[in-house]
């Protein structure tokens, strides 16, 4: 039986679940680029994801606050 491929939202939550900050570059590699749609869908599903300015080369960082 074939294993179901994870959605971008599932991959995003898997990465952010530790509660630590993650740069957009890391999310692009682990979730896939673009990941903005996955962020929007996750927020719609009730996940609180904080976005902040990382201050390094105009990049943002993200973390999961609550489910």
N, C-alpha and C. Protein backbone atom coordinates (compact mmCIF):
# COMPACT_ATOMS: atom_id res chain seq x y z
N UNK A 1 0.84 -1.19 0.00
CA UNK A 1 0.00 0.00 0.00
C UNK A 1 0.88 1.24 0.00
N UNK A 2 0.54 2.20 -0.83
CA UNK A 2 1.33 3.43 -0.94
C UNK A 2 1.06 4.35 0.23
N UNK A 3 2.12 5.00 0.68
CA UNK A 3 2.01 5.97 1.75
C UNK A 3 1.53 7.29 1.16
N UNK A 4 0.59 7.94 1.84
CA UNK A 4 0.06 9.21 1.38
C UNK A 4 1.11 10.31 1.55
N UNK A 5 1.25 11.13 0.53
CA UNK A 5 2.19 12.25 0.57
C UNK A 5 1.63 13.34 1.49
N UNK A 6 2.49 13.90 2.34
CA UNK A 6 2.06 14.94 3.27
C UNK A 6 1.80 16.23 2.51
N UNK A 7 0.80 16.97 2.98
CA UNK A 7 0.50 18.27 2.38
C UNK A 7 1.51 19.29 2.88
N UNK A 8 1.57 20.45 2.23
CA UNK A 8 2.47 21.51 2.66
C UNK A 8 2.10 21.99 4.06
N UNK A 9 0.81 22.01 4.38
CA UNK A 9 0.38 22.44 5.72
C UNK A 9 0.90 21.45 6.76
N UNK A 10 0.79 20.16 6.49
CA UNK A 10 1.29 19.15 7.41
C UNK A 10 2.80 19.27 7.60
N UNK A 11 3.52 19.49 6.51
CA UNK A 11 4.98 19.66 6.60
C UNK A 11 5.33 20.91 7.40
N UNK A 12 4.59 22.00 7.17
CA UNK A 12 4.83 23.25 7.88
C UNK A 12 4.64 23.07 9.39
N UNK A 13 3.53 22.47 9.77
CA UNK A 13 3.24 22.27 11.20
C UNK A 13 4.26 21.32 11.81
N UNK A 14 4.70 20.33 11.08
CA UNK A 14 5.72 19.39 11.56
C UNK A 14 7.01 20.14 11.92
N UNK A 15 7.40 21.10 11.09
CA UNK A 15 8.61 21.87 11.34
C UNK A 15 8.41 22.85 12.51
N UNK A 16 7.27 23.54 12.52
CA UNK A 16 7.03 24.59 13.52
C UNK A 16 6.60 24.06 14.89
N UNK A 17 6.25 22.80 14.96
CA UNK A 17 5.69 22.23 16.20
C UNK A 17 6.62 22.39 17.42
N UNK A 18 7.91 22.54 17.21
CA UNK A 18 8.84 22.66 18.34
C UNK A 18 8.76 24.01 19.04
N UNK A 19 8.04 24.97 18.45
CA UNK A 19 7.87 26.28 19.09
C UNK A 19 9.04 27.23 18.91
N UNK A 20 10.09 26.77 18.24
CA UNK A 20 11.27 27.62 18.01
C UNK A 20 11.06 28.46 16.75
N UNK A 21 11.87 29.50 16.62
CA UNK A 21 11.82 30.34 15.43
C UNK A 21 12.49 29.60 14.27
N UNK A 22 11.92 29.74 13.08
CA UNK A 22 12.47 29.14 11.87
C UNK A 22 12.47 30.19 10.76
N UNK A 23 13.61 30.37 10.10
CA UNK A 23 13.72 31.32 9.00
C UNK A 23 12.94 30.82 7.79
N UNK A 24 12.51 31.76 6.98
CA UNK A 24 11.78 31.42 5.76
C UNK A 24 12.58 30.53 4.84
N UNK A 25 13.91 30.73 4.79
CA UNK A 25 14.76 29.87 3.95
C UNK A 25 14.65 28.40 4.35
N UNK A 26 14.63 28.15 5.65
CA UNK A 26 14.51 26.78 6.15
C UNK A 26 13.15 26.19 5.75
N UNK A 27 12.10 26.99 5.90
CA UNK A 27 10.76 26.52 5.55
C UNK A 27 10.66 26.25 4.04
N UNK A 28 11.31 27.07 3.24
CA UNK A 28 11.29 26.86 1.80
C UNK A 28 11.90 25.51 1.44
N UNK A 29 12.94 25.12 2.15
CA UNK A 29 13.60 23.83 1.88
C UNK A 29 12.75 22.67 2.41
N UNK A 30 12.25 22.79 3.64
CA UNK A 30 11.54 21.67 4.27
C UNK A 30 10.08 21.54 3.85
N UNK A 31 9.45 22.67 3.52
CA UNK A 31 8.04 22.65 3.15
C UNK A 31 7.86 22.75 1.64
N UNK A 32 8.71 23.54 1.03
CA UNK A 32 8.62 23.79 -0.41
C UNK A 32 8.31 25.25 -0.64
N UNK A 33 8.76 25.74 -1.76
CA UNK A 33 8.55 27.15 -2.08
C UNK A 33 7.54 27.25 -3.20
N UNK A 34 6.57 28.12 -3.12
CA UNK A 34 6.29 29.06 -2.04
C UNK A 34 5.52 28.38 -0.91
N UNK A 35 5.72 28.85 0.30
CA UNK A 35 5.04 28.27 1.46
C UNK A 35 4.00 29.23 2.05
N UNK A 36 3.81 30.41 1.46
CA UNK A 36 2.86 31.40 1.97
C UNK A 36 1.43 30.86 2.00
N UNK A 37 1.05 30.08 0.99
CA UNK A 37 -0.29 29.50 0.96
C UNK A 37 -0.47 28.51 2.12
N UNK A 38 0.57 27.75 2.42
CA UNK A 38 0.50 26.81 3.55
C UNK A 38 0.34 27.57 4.86
N UNK A 39 1.03 28.70 5.01
CA UNK A 39 0.88 29.52 6.21
C UNK A 39 -0.56 30.01 6.36
N UNK A 40 -1.11 30.50 5.26
CA UNK A 40 -2.49 31.02 5.28
C UNK A 40 -3.49 29.92 5.63
N UNK A 41 -3.34 28.75 5.01
CA UNK A 41 -4.24 27.63 5.28
C UNK A 41 -4.12 27.16 6.72
N UNK A 42 -2.90 27.10 7.25
CA UNK A 42 -2.69 26.67 8.63
C UNK A 42 -3.36 27.64 9.59
N UNK A 43 -3.23 28.94 9.32
CA UNK A 43 -3.88 29.95 10.17
C UNK A 43 -5.40 29.81 10.09
N UNK A 44 -5.92 29.52 8.90
CA UNK A 44 -7.36 29.31 8.73
C UNK A 44 -7.84 28.11 9.52
N UNK A 45 -6.99 27.10 9.65
CA UNK A 45 -7.33 25.90 10.41
C UNK A 45 -7.21 26.11 11.93
N UNK A 46 -6.77 27.30 12.35
CA UNK A 46 -6.71 27.61 13.77
C UNK A 46 -5.32 27.61 14.38
N UNK A 47 -4.30 27.38 13.59
CA UNK A 47 -2.94 27.43 14.11
C UNK A 47 -2.50 28.88 14.23
N UNK A 48 -1.96 29.24 15.38
CA UNK A 48 -1.43 30.59 15.58
C UNK A 48 0.05 30.57 15.24
N UNK A 49 0.39 31.21 14.15
CA UNK A 49 1.77 31.26 13.69
C UNK A 49 2.22 32.71 13.71
N UNK A 50 3.25 32.97 14.50
CA UNK A 50 3.78 34.32 14.64
C UNK A 50 4.85 34.55 13.57
N UNK A 51 4.82 35.74 13.00
CA UNK A 51 5.81 36.16 12.01
C UNK A 51 6.56 37.35 12.55
N UNK A 52 7.87 37.35 12.43
CA UNK A 52 8.69 38.47 12.91
C UNK A 52 9.82 38.73 11.93
N UNK A 53 10.35 39.94 11.99
CA UNK A 53 11.48 40.33 11.16
C UNK A 53 12.74 39.72 11.74
N UNK A 54 13.47 38.96 10.96
CA UNK A 54 14.69 38.32 11.44
C UNK A 54 15.87 39.28 11.46
N UNK A 55 15.77 40.36 10.68
CA UNK A 55 16.82 41.36 10.66
C UNK A 55 18.06 40.96 9.88
N UNK A 56 18.00 39.87 9.17
CA UNK A 56 19.15 39.40 8.40
C UNK A 56 18.77 39.38 6.92
N UNK A 57 19.24 40.35 6.18
CA UNK A 57 19.00 40.35 4.74
C UNK A 57 17.54 40.36 4.35
N UNK A 58 16.71 41.12 5.05
CA UNK A 58 15.28 41.25 4.76
C UNK A 58 14.55 39.91 4.80
N UNK A 59 14.77 39.15 5.83
CA UNK A 59 14.13 37.85 5.97
C UNK A 59 13.17 37.85 7.16
N UNK A 60 12.20 36.95 7.10
CA UNK A 60 11.25 36.78 8.19
C UNK A 60 11.50 35.45 8.87
N UNK A 61 11.03 35.38 10.11
CA UNK A 61 11.10 34.12 10.85
C UNK A 61 9.70 33.80 11.35
N UNK A 62 9.45 32.53 11.59
CA UNK A 62 8.12 32.06 11.93
C UNK A 62 8.20 31.07 13.09
N UNK A 63 7.14 31.06 13.91
CA UNK A 63 7.04 30.05 14.97
C UNK A 63 5.58 29.79 15.28
N UNK A 64 5.32 28.58 15.74
CA UNK A 64 3.97 28.16 16.11
C UNK A 64 3.76 28.53 17.57
N UNK A 65 2.70 29.27 17.82
CA UNK A 65 2.38 29.69 19.20
C UNK A 65 1.39 28.73 19.83
N UNK A 66 0.29 28.47 19.11
CA UNK A 66 -0.75 27.61 19.67
C UNK A 66 -1.49 26.89 18.56
N UNK A 67 -2.09 25.79 18.95
CA UNK A 67 -2.89 24.99 18.00
C UNK A 67 -4.34 25.28 18.22
